[in-house]
Amino acid sequence: MSVALSFEFFPPNTDAGVEKLELVRGELAKLKPQFFSVTYGAGGATRDKTLALVEQMTRETIEVAPHLSCIGQSRSQLAELLDHYSSLGIRRIVALRGDLPSGMVQGGEFRFAEDLVDFIRQRHGEQFHLEVAAYPEMHPQASSPQADLKAFIRKVKRGAHSAITQYFYNAEAYLHFRDMVRAEGVDMDIVPGIMPITNYTQLMRFSEGCGAEIPRWIRLKLASYGDDRVSIRDFGHEVLVRMCERLLKESVPGLHFYTLNQDQASLGILKALGLGRLS
């Protein structure tokens, strides 16, 4: 089975974190993924660290896809960064709206991801392959699922090539969203975002912020394990393997892993799926 894989990282804050991430990237690179992506903090909070990590990773063999968010950024700042990425040979961008950091009130010159997509297309034509975000369970700030779908379609029409979803634990949510997009006449790759389950408290905090639904049966089972992290990891592994098996049967175009700068959980899932053969 041939499935496109990709892995997301965030810029580490410490030297130890930088060294650990180098090892993690080395292990995941053995799977020959399509690309590695690098996150961009709210309001450009990690701009310099993201740029430094992207510059380092361009010297490696795996394609790098920097995240770029428009909230809190000026047109000139975005243009400067895009031109720099172009000079580095970057050919893939994850174009996002992003969020304002707590306390920041200036939203920048663009309000939505569709505006950023349009700006990149006007400035760089088809130079960059543009990934955008998709929300199978609805963006937490959308007024309705229908409004969220329309916003996604607008991003596509402005020039997005493909999409990566927010993580989810209900395959039916992804499949329904994919079918709704197709019903709108849009046939593009929508890659499921996969978040391994290794820490219950952390997962609940992330999910409250991004609007990802944790099905009740999963929440109750995880909560029942208390501080038993081994049982949490084992159960999380089982949940993700079963969901990914369902997705692969539906011929999804790939799997995108939110690694949190770790490799073992993702590698374990891929090995169980028969996709973890290292080169």
C-alpha atoms as a PDB file:
ATOM      1  CA  MET A   1       0.000   0.000   0.000  1.00  0.00           C
ATOM      2  CA  SER A   2       1.341   3.418  -0.974  1.00  0.00           C
ATOM      3  CA  VAL A   3       0.035   6.306   1.117  1.00  0.00           C
ATOM      4  CA  ALA A   4       1.455   9.831   1.229  1.00  0.00           C
ATOM      5  CA  LEU A   5       2.667  10.659   4.737  1.00  0.00           C
ATOM      6  CA  SER A   6       3.499  14.011   6.290  1.00  0.00           C
ATOM      7  CA  PHE A   7       4.516  15.105   9.776  1.00  0.00           C
ATOM      8  CA  GLU A   8       4.111  18.371  11.652  1.00  0.00           C
ATOM      9  CA  PHE A   9       6.633  19.883  14.077  1.00  0.00           C
ATOM     10  CA  PHE A  10       6.789  23.037  16.178  1.00  0.00           C
ATOM     11  CA  PRO A  11       9.918  25.162  16.799  1.00  0.00           C
ATOM     12  CA  PRO A  12      11.558  24.001  20.073  1.00  0.00           C
ATOM     13  CA  ASN A  13      12.274  26.533  22.813  1.00  0.00           C
ATOM     14  CA  THR A  14      15.424  24.909  24.202  1.00  0.00           C
ATOM     15  CA  ASP A  15      18.704  23.517  22.903  1.00  0.00           C
ATOM     16  CA  ALA A  16      17.698  20.101  24.241  1.00  0.00           C
ATOM     17  CA  GLY A  17      14.448  20.361  22.306  1.00  0.00           C
ATOM     18  CA  VAL A  18      16.338  21.219  19.123  1.00  0.00           C
ATOM     19  CA  GLU A  19      18.600  18.186  19.542  1.00  0.00           C
ATOM     20  CA  LYS A  20      15.627  15.914  20.274  1.00  0.00           C
ATOM     21  CA  LEU A  21      13.764  17.134  17.215  1.00  0.00           C
ATOM     22  CA  GLU A  22      16.759  16.387  14.991  1.00  0.00           C
ATOM     23  CA  LEU A  23      16.619  12.760  16.155  1.00  0.00           C
ATOM     24  CA  VAL A  24      12.836  12.611  15.682  1.00  0.00           C
ATOM     25  CA  ARG A  25      13.092  14.010  12.150  1.00  0.00           C
ATOM     26  CA  GLY A  26      15.798  11.501  11.356  1.00  0.00           C
ATOM     27  CA  GLU A  27      13.589   8.582  12.380  1.00  0.00           C
ATOM     28  CA  LEU A  28      10.520   9.836  10.552  1.00  0.00           C
ATOM     29  CA  ALA A  29      12.549  10.687   7.446  1.00  0.00           C
ATOM     30  CA  LYS A  30      13.225   6.967   7.048  1.00  0.00           C
ATOM     31  CA  LEU A  31       9.567   6.590   6.063  1.00  0.00           C
ATOM     32  CA  LYS A  32      10.188   8.904   3.077  1.00  0.00           C
ATOM     33  CA  PRO A  33       7.288  11.260   3.831  1.00  0.00           C
ATOM     34  CA  GLN A  34       5.969  13.691   1.261  1.00  0.00           C
ATOM     35  CA  PHE A  35       6.884  16.636   3.484  1.00  0.00           C
ATOM     36  CA  PHE A  36       7.519  17.934   6.991  1.00  0.00           C
ATOM     37  CA  SER A  37       5.556  21.000   8.120  1.00  0.00           C
ATOM     38  CA  VAL A  38       6.578  23.604  10.704  1.00  0.00           C
ATOM     39  CA  THR A  39       4.047  25.547  12.766  1.00  0.00           C
ATOM     40  CA  TYR A  40       3.845  29.326  13.083  1.00  0.00           C
ATOM     41  CA  GLY A  41       2.801  30.704  16.472  1.00  0.00           C
ATOM     42  CA  ALA A  42      -0.304  32.806  17.031  1.00  0.00           C
ATOM     43  CA  GLY A  43       0.181  36.288  15.624  1.00  0.00           C
ATOM     44  CA  GLY A  44       3.594  35.286  14.293  1.00  0.00           C
ATOM     45  CA  ALA A  45       4.823  34.650  17.846  1.00  0.00           C
ATOM     46  CA  THR A  46       7.356  32.037  16.694  1.00  0.00           C
ATOM     47  CA  ARG A  47       8.272  33.754  13.417  1.00  0.00           C
ATOM     48  CA  ASP A  48      12.035  33.815  14.005  1.00  0.00           C
ATOM     49  CA  LYS A  49      12.152  30.304  15.457  1.00  0.00           C
ATOM     50  CA  THR A  50       9.984  28.948  12.659  1.00  0.00           C
ATOM     51  CA  LEU A  51      12.202  30.584  10.073  1.00  0.00           C
ATOM     52  CA  ALA A  52      15.378  29.247  11.686  1.00  0.00           C
ATOM     53  CA  LEU A  53      13.976  25.705  11.796  1.00  0.00           C
ATOM     54  CA  VAL A  54      12.765  25.924   8.197  1.00  0.00           C
ATOM     55  CA  GLU A  55      16.197  27.149   7.064  1.00  0.00           C
ATOM     56  CA  GLN A  56      17.845  24.241   8.865  1.00  0.00           C
ATOM     57  CA  MET A  57      15.437  21.689   7.436  1.00  0.00           C
ATOM     58  CA  THR A  58      15.865  22.893   3.840  1.00  0.00           C
ATOM     59  CA  ARG A  59      19.344  21.397   3.995  1.00  0.00           C
ATOM     60  CA  GLU A  60      17.812  17.959   4.575  1.00  0.00           C
ATOM     61  CA  THR A  61      16.288  15.638   1.990  1.00  0.00           C
ATOM     62  CA  ILE A  62      12.585  16.001   2.914  1.00  0.00           C
ATOM     63  CA  GLU A  63      10.468  18.813   1.465  1.00  0.00           C
ATOM     64  CA  VAL A  64       9.596  21.465   4.053  1.00  0.00           C
ATOM     65  CA  ALA A  65       6.192  23.168   4.244  1.00  0.00           C
ATOM     66  CA  PRO A  66       6.238  26.198   6.574  1.00  0.00           C
ATOM     67  CA  HIS A  67       2.979  27.296   8.141  1.00  0.00           C
ATOM     68  CA  LEU A  68       2.130  30.917   7.440  1.00  0.00           C
ATOM     69  CA  SER A  69      -0.719  32.714   9.222  1.00  0.00           C
ATOM     70  CA  CYS A  70      -2.017  36.156   8.336  1.00  0.00           C
ATOM     71  CA  ILE A  71      -3.605  37.284  11.618  1.00  0.00           C
ATOM     72  CA  GLY A  72      -1.347  39.803  13.337  1.00  0.00           C
ATOM     73  CA  GLN A  73       0.887  40.146  10.272  1.00  0.00           C
ATOM     74  CA  SER A  74       1.169  43.066   7.864  1.00  0.00           C
ATOM     75  CA  ARG A  75       1.169  42.722   4.112  1.00  0.00           C
ATOM     76  CA  SER A  76       4.843  43.744   4.004  1.00  0.00           C
ATOM     77  CA  GLN A  77       5.836  41.196   6.665  1.00  0.00           C
ATOM     78  CA  LEU A  78       4.101  38.408   4.778  1.00  0.00           C
ATOM     79  CA  ALA A  79       5.630  39.503   1.463  1.00  0.00           C
ATOM     80  CA  GLU A  80       9.112  39.554   2.980  1.00  0.00           C
ATOM     81  CA  LEU A  81       8.724  36.069   4.420  1.00  0.00           C
ATOM     82  CA  LEU A  82       7.272  34.648   1.209  1.00  0.00           C
ATOM     83  CA  ASP A  83      10.122  36.114  -0.828  1.00  0.00           C
ATOM     84  CA  HIS A  84      12.618  34.592   1.594  1.00  0.00           C
ATOM     85  CA  TYR A  85      10.964  31.189   1.402  1.00  0.00           C
ATOM     86  CA  SER A  86      11.066  31.468  -2.374  1.00  0.00           C
ATOM     87  CA  SER A  87      14.804  32.174  -2.218  1.00  0.00           C
ATOM     88  CA  LEU A  88      15.281  29.065  -0.056  1.00  0.00           C
ATOM     89  CA  GLY A  89      13.600  26.914  -2.686  1.00  0.00           C
ATOM     90  CA  ILE A  90      10.476  26.276  -0.599  1.00  0.00           C
ATOM     91  CA  ARG A  91       7.687  25.015  -2.832  1.00  0.00           C
ATOM     92  CA  ARG A  92       4.898  24.234  -0.353  1.00  0.00           C
ATOM     93  CA  ILE A  93       3.170  26.563   2.132  1.00  0.00           C
ATOM     94  CA  VAL A  94       0.474  25.796   4.712  1.00  0.00           C
ATOM     95  CA  ALA A  95      -1.647  28.966   4.478  1.00  0.00           C
ATOM     96  CA  LEU A  96      -3.706  29.659   7.608  1.00  0.00           C
ATOM     97  CA  ARG A  97      -5.707  32.420   9.208  1.00  0.00           C
ATOM     98  CA  GLY A  98      -4.110  31.837  12.593  1.00  0.00           C
ATOM     99  CA  ASP A  99      -5.064  33.267  15.972  1.00  0.00           C
ATOM    100  CA  LEU A 100      -4.179  36.419  17.876  1.00  0.00           C
ATOM    101  CA  PRO A 101      -2.093  35.872  21.006  1.00  0.00           C
ATOM    102  CA  SER A 102      -3.793  36.782  24.273  1.00  0.00           C
ATOM    103  CA  GLY A 103      -3.717  40.533  24.742  1.00  0.00           C
ATOM    104  CA  MET A 104      -3.013  41.397  21.106  1.00  0.00           C
ATOM    105  CA  VAL A 105      -5.706  43.523  19.478  1.00  0.00           C
ATOM    106  CA  GLN A 106      -4.260  44.248  16.027  1.00  0.00           C
ATOM    107  CA  GLY A 107      -5.486  41.643  13.585  1.00  0.00           C
ATOM    108  CA  GLY A 108      -3.317  42.565  10.614  1.00  0.00           C
ATOM    109  CA  GLU A 109      -4.301  43.494   7.074  1.00  0.00           C
ATOM    110  CA  PHE A 110      -5.931  40.150   6.211  1.00  0.00           C
ATOM    111  CA  ARG A 111      -8.875  38.712   8.146  1.00  0.00           C
ATOM    112  CA  PHE A 112      -9.188  35.251   6.646  1.00  0.00           C
ATOM    113  CA  ALA A 113      -7.069  32.477   5.155  1.00  0.00           C
ATOM    114  CA  GLU A 114      -8.741  33.012   1.775  1.00  0.00           C
ATOM    115  CA  ASP A 115      -7.221  36.523   1.730  1.00  0.00           C
ATOM    116  CA  LEU A 116      -3.768  35.068   2.395  1.00  0.00           C
ATOM    117  CA  VAL A 117      -4.231  32.462  -0.346  1.00  0.00           C
ATOM    118  CA  ASP A 118      -5.246  35.194  -2.779  1.00  0.00           C
ATOM    119  CA  PHE A 119      -2.269  37.361  -1.769  1.00  0.00           C
ATOM    120  CA  ILE A 120       0.209  34.512  -2.313  1.00  0.00           C
ATOM    121  CA  ARG A 121      -1.319  33.682  -5.692  1.00  0.00           C
ATOM    122  CA  GLN A 122      -1.159  37.320  -6.829  1.00  0.00           C
ATOM    123  CA  ARG A 123       2.434  37.714  -5.690  1.00  0.00           C
ATOM    124  CA  HIS A 124       3.919  34.322  -6.592  1.00  0.00           C
ATOM    125  CA  GLY A 125       1.496  32.764  -9.056  1.00  0.00           C
ATOM    126  CA  GLU A 126       1.706  28.981  -8.993  1.00  0.00           C
ATOM    127  CA  GLN A 127       5.174  28.876  -7.447  1.00  0.00           C
ATOM    128  CA  PHE A 128       3.915  27.483  -4.139  1.00  0.00           C
ATOM    129  CA  HIS A 129       1.706  24.458  -3.571  1.00  0.00           C
ATOM    130  CA  LEU A 130      -0.792  25.845  -1.055  1.00  0.00           C
ATOM    131  CA  GLU A 131      -2.174  23.662   1.710  1.00  0.00           C
ATOM    132  CA  VAL A 132      -5.111  25.038   3.700  1.00  0.00           C
ATOM    133  CA  ALA A 133      -6.928  23.883   6.823  1.00  0.00           C
ATOM    134  CA  ALA A 134     -10.198  21.947   6.840  1.00  0.00           C
ATOM    135  CA  TYR A 135     -12.477  21.357   9.810  1.00  0.00           C
ATOM    136  CA  PRO A 136     -14.603  18.191   9.529  1.00  0.00           C
ATOM    137  CA  GLU A 137     -16.316  19.052  12.817  1.00  0.00           C
ATOM    138  CA  MET A 138     -16.591  22.798  12.030  1.00  0.00           C
ATOM    139  CA  HIS A 139     -14.200  25.606  12.875  1.00  0.00           C
ATOM    140  CA  PRO A 140     -14.831  26.633  16.510  1.00  0.00           C
ATOM    141  CA  GLN A 141     -15.584  30.220  15.458  1.00  0.00           C
ATOM    142  CA  ALA A 142     -17.827  29.403  12.487  1.00  0.00           C
ATOM    143  CA  SER A 143     -21.497  30.319  12.787  1.00  0.00           C
ATOM    144  CA  SER A 144     -22.674  27.012  11.315  1.00  0.00           C
ATOM    145  CA  PRO A 145     -21.387  23.959   9.443  1.00  0.00           C
ATOM    146  CA  GLN A 146     -22.813  25.416   6.228  1.00  0.00           C
ATOM    147  CA  ALA A 147     -20.950  28.703   6.730  1.00  0.00           C
ATOM    148  CA  ASP A 148     -17.751  26.819   7.492  1.00  0.00           C
ATOM    149  CA  LEU A 149     -18.101  24.753   4.317  1.00  0.00           C
ATOM    150  CA  LYS A 150     -18.609  27.907   2.256  1.00  0.00           C
ATOM    151  CA  ALA A 151     -15.490  29.449   3.804  1.00  0.00           C
ATOM    152  CA  PHE A 152     -13.509  26.340   2.844  1.00  0.00           C
ATOM    153  CA  ILE A 153     -14.805  26.433  -0.735  1.00  0.00           C
ATOM    154  CA  ARG A 154     -13.761  30.087  -0.989  1.00  0.00           C
ATOM    155  CA  LYS A 155     -10.207  29.167  -0.019  1.00  0.00           C
ATOM    156  CA  VAL A 156     -10.163  26.547  -2.738  1.00  0.00           C
ATOM    157  CA  LYS A 157     -11.497  28.955  -5.354  1.00  0.00           C
ATOM    158  CA  ARG A 158      -8.887  31.538  -4.386  1.00  0.00           C
ATOM    159  CA  GLY A 159      -6.153  29.063  -5.267  1.00  0.00           C
ATOM    160  CA  ALA A 160      -5.584  26.368  -2.631  1.00  0.00           C
ATOM    161  CA  HIS A 161      -4.288  23.057  -4.003  1.00  0.00           C
ATOM    162  CA  SER A 162      -5.032  20.695  -1.124  1.00  0.00           C
ATOM    163  CA  ALA A 163      -6.074  20.637   2.518  1.00  0.00           C
ATOM    164  CA  ILE A 164      -5.089  19.129   5.848  1.00  0.00           C
ATOM    165  CA  THR A 165      -7.824  18.624   8.414  1.00  0.00           C
ATOM    166  CA  GLN A 166      -7.930  19.442  12.081  1.00  0.00           C
ATOM    167  CA  TYR A 167      -7.515  16.200  14.014  1.00  0.00           C
ATOM    168  CA  PHE A 168     -10.598  14.143  14.802  1.00  0.00           C
ATOM    169  CA  TYR A 169     -11.499  10.760  16.284  1.00  0.00           C
ATOM    170  CA  ASN A 170     -14.667  10.084  14.314  1.00  0.00           C
ATOM    171  CA  ALA A 171     -13.988   8.897  10.779  1.00  0.00           C
ATOM    172  CA  GLU A 172     -17.593   9.618   9.802  1.00  0.00           C
ATOM    173  CA  ALA A 173     -17.056  13.337  10.411  1.00  0.00           C
ATOM    174  CA  TYR A 174     -14.184  13.375   7.925  1.00  0.00           C
ATOM    175  CA  LEU A 175     -16.027  11.286   5.342  1.00  0.00           C
ATOM    176  CA  HIS A 176     -19.147  13.443   5.564  1.00  0.00           C
ATOM    177  CA  PHE A 177     -17.090  16.622   5.125  1.00  0.00           C
ATOM    178  CA  ARG A 178     -15.261  15.134   2.143  1.00  0.00           C
ATOM    179  CA  ASP A 179     -18.564  14.178   0.516  1.00  0.00           C
ATOM    180  CA  MET A 180     -20.007  17.645   1.131  1.00  0.00           C
ATOM    181  CA  VAL A 181     -16.980  19.241  -0.533  1.00  0.00           C
ATOM    182  CA  ARG A 182     -17.343  16.935  -3.535  1.00  0.00           C
ATOM    183  CA  ALA A 183     -21.047  17.796  -3.731  1.00  0.00           C
ATOM    184  CA  GLU A 184     -19.947  21.417  -4.181  1.00  0.00           C
ATOM    185  CA  GLY A 185     -18.023  20.376  -7.290  1.00  0.00           C
ATOM    186  CA  VAL A 186     -14.602  20.503  -5.617  1.00  0.00           C
ATOM    187  CA  ASP A 187     -12.347  17.506  -6.175  1.00  0.00           C
ATOM    188  CA  MET A 188      -9.137  18.034  -4.238  1.00  0.00           C
ATOM    189  CA  ASP A 189      -6.997  16.095  -1.773  1.00  0.00           C
ATOM    190  CA  ILE A 190      -8.244  16.521   1.784  1.00  0.00           C
ATOM    191  CA  VAL A 191      -5.721  14.776   4.020  1.00  0.00           C
ATOM    192  CA  PRO A 192      -6.865  13.603   7.474  1.00  0.00           C
ATOM    193  CA  GLY A 193      -4.950  15.099  10.384  1.00  0.00           C
ATOM    194  CA  ILE A 194      -3.973  12.447  12.934  1.00  0.00           C
ATOM    195  CA  MET A 195      -3.217  13.319  16.567  1.00  0.00           C
ATOM    196  CA  PRO A 196      -1.774  10.377  18.530  1.00  0.00           C
ATOM    197  CA  ILE A 197      -3.184  10.015  22.037  1.00  0.00           C
ATOM    198  CA  THR A 198      -0.467   9.909  24.685  1.00  0.00           C
ATOM    199  CA  ASN A 199      -1.564  12.385  27.365  1.00  0.00           C
ATOM    200  CA  TYR A 200      -5.220  12.783  28.353  1.00  0.00           C
ATOM    201  CA  THR A 201      -4.932  16.172  30.075  1.00  0.00           C
ATOM    202  CA  GLN A 202      -2.960  17.644  27.207  1.00  0.00           C
ATOM    203  CA  LEU A 203      -5.375  16.262  24.626  1.00  0.00           C
ATOM    204  CA  MET A 204      -8.391  17.753  26.399  1.00  0.00           C
ATOM    205  CA  ARG A 205      -6.684  21.151  26.613  1.00  0.00           C
ATOM    206  CA  PHE A 206      -5.818  21.127  22.911  1.00  0.00           C
ATOM    207  CA  SER A 207      -9.307  19.978  21.949  1.00  0.00           C
ATOM    208  CA  GLU A 208     -11.064  22.674  23.964  1.00  0.00           C
ATOM    209  CA  GLY A 209      -9.011  25.286  22.128  1.00  0.00           C
ATOM    210  CA  CYS A 210      -9.437  23.994  18.588  1.00  0.00           C
ATOM    211  CA  GLY A 211     -12.943  22.558  18.783  1.00  0.00           C
ATOM    212  CA  ALA A 212     -11.963  18.942  18.058  1.00  0.00           C
ATOM    213  CA  GLU A 213     -14.569  16.576  19.471  1.00  0.00           C
ATOM    214  CA  ILE A 214     -13.434  13.738  21.733  1.00  0.00           C
ATOM    215  CA  PRO A 215     -16.203  11.103  21.531  1.00  0.00           C
ATOM    216  CA  ARG A 216     -17.756  10.379  24.928  1.00  0.00           C
ATOM    217  CA  TRP A 217     -16.700   6.746  24.983  1.00  0.00           C
ATOM    218  CA  ILE A 218     -13.083   7.725  24.358  1.00  0.00           C
ATOM    219  CA  ARG A 219     -13.164  10.487  26.997  1.00  0.00           C
ATOM    220  CA  LEU A 220     -14.604   8.177  29.625  1.00  0.00           C
ATOM    221  CA  LYS A 221     -12.123   5.413  28.892  1.00  0.00           C
ATOM    222  CA  LEU A 222      -9.164   7.798  29.003  1.00  0.00           C
ATOM    223  CA  ALA A 223     -10.378   9.414  32.214  1.00  0.00           C
ATOM    224  CA  SER A 224     -10.723   5.988  33.831  1.00  0.00           C
ATOM    225  CA  TYR A 225      -6.996   5.395  33.479  1.00  0.00           C
ATOM    226  CA  GLY A 226      -6.103   8.340  35.712  1.00  0.00           C
ATOM    227  CA  ASP A 227      -2.312   8.774  35.695  1.00  0.00           C
ATOM    228  CA  ASP A 228      -1.651   5.393  34.069  1.00  0.00           C
ATOM    229  CA  ARG A 229       0.152   6.756  31.002  1.00  0.00           C
ATOM    230  CA  VAL A 230       1.003   3.314  29.628  1.00  0.00           C
ATOM    231  CA  SER A 231      -2.671   2.359  29.478  1.00  0.00           C
ATOM    232  CA  ILE A 232      -3.523   5.748  27.963  1.00  0.00           C
ATOM    233  CA  ARG A 233      -0.916   5.268  25.228  1.00  0.00           C
ATOM    234  CA  ASP A 234      -1.984   1.688  24.535  1.00  0.00           C
ATOM    235  CA  PHE A 235      -5.661   2.613  24.310  1.00  0.00           C
ATOM    236  CA  GLY A 236      -4.862   5.671  22.194  1.00  0.00           C
ATOM    237  CA  HIS A 237      -2.825   3.522  19.850  1.00  0.00           C
ATOM    238  CA  GLU A 238      -5.749   1.110  19.416  1.00  0.00           C
ATOM    239  CA  VAL A 239      -8.205   3.959  18.739  1.00  0.00           C
ATOM    240  CA  LEU A 240      -5.996   5.590  16.113  1.00  0.00           C
ATOM    241  CA  VAL A 241      -5.086   2.348  14.350  1.00  0.00           C
ATOM    242  CA  ARG A 242      -8.755   1.390  13.976  1.00  0.00           C
ATOM    243  CA  MET A 243      -9.703   4.845  12.725  1.00  0.00           C
ATOM    244  CA  CYS A 244      -6.837   4.978  10.245  1.00  0.00           C
ATOM    245  CA  GLU A 245      -7.737   1.522   8.954  1.00  0.00           C
ATOM    246  CA  ARG A 246     -11.227   2.833   8.210  1.00  0.00           C
ATOM    247  CA  LEU A 247      -9.845   5.920   6.504  1.00  0.00           C
ATOM    248  CA  LEU A 248      -7.437   3.921   4.358  1.00  0.00           C
ATOM    249  CA  LYS A 249     -10.298   1.683   3.222  1.00  0.00           C
ATOM    250  CA  GLU A 250     -11.971   4.894   2.020  1.00  0.00           C
ATOM    251  CA  SER A 251      -8.899   5.688  -0.115  1.00  0.00           C
ATOM    252  CA  VAL A 252      -7.835   8.858   1.674  1.00  0.00           C
ATOM    253  CA  PRO A 253      -4.986  10.642  -0.166  1.00  0.00           C
ATOM    254  CA  GLY A 254      -2.624  10.509   2.794  1.00  0.00           C
ATOM    255  CA  LEU A 255      -2.168  10.824   6.548  1.00  0.00           C
ATOM    256  CA  HIS A 256      -0.773  13.921   8.270  1.00  0.00           C
ATOM    257  CA  PHE A 257       0.543  13.395  11.817  1.00  0.00           C
ATOM    258  CA  TYR A 258       0.566  16.072  14.492  1.00  0.00           C
ATOM    259  CA  THR A 259       3.694  14.736  16.161  1.00  0.00           C
ATOM    260  CA  LEU A 260       4.199  17.249  18.995  1.00  0.00           C
ATOM    261  CA  ASN A 261       7.892  16.704  18.195  1.00  0.00           C
ATOM    262  CA  GLN A 262       7.708  13.016  19.151  1.00  0.00           C
ATOM    263  CA  ASP A 263       8.074   9.998  16.890  1.00  0.00           C
ATOM    264  CA  GLN A 264       7.215   6.808  18.775  1.00  0.00           C
ATOM    265  CA  ALA A 265       3.412   7.099  18.795  1.00  0.00           C
ATOM    266  CA  SER A 266       3.246   7.944  15.086  1.00  0.00           C
ATOM    267  CA  LEU A 267       5.705   5.192  14.204  1.00  0.00           C
ATOM    268  CA  GLY A 268       3.709   2.680  16.237  1.00  0.00           C
ATOM    269  CA  ILE A 269       0.478   3.526  14.439  1.00  0.00           C
ATOM    270  CA  LEU A 270       2.120   3.349  11.021  1.00  0.00           C
ATOM    271  CA  LYS A 271       3.790   0.030  11.804  1.00  0.00           C
ATOM    272  CA  ALA A 272       0.430  -1.445  12.854  1.00  0.00           C
ATOM    273  CA  LEU A 273      -1.036  -0.215   9.560  1.00  0.00           C
ATOM    274  CA  GLY A 274       1.749  -1.836   7.569  1.00  0.00           C
ATOM    275  CA  LEU A 275       3.106   1.584   6.606  1.00  0.00           C
ATOM    276  CA  GLY A 276       6.049   1.705   8.977  1.00  0.00           C
ATOM    277  CA  ARG A 277       8.733  -0.014   6.936  1.00  0.00           C
ATOM    278  CA  LEU A 278      11.905   1.970   7.358  1.00  0.00           C
ATOM    279  CA  SER A 279      14.344   2.513   4.498  1.00  0.00           C
END
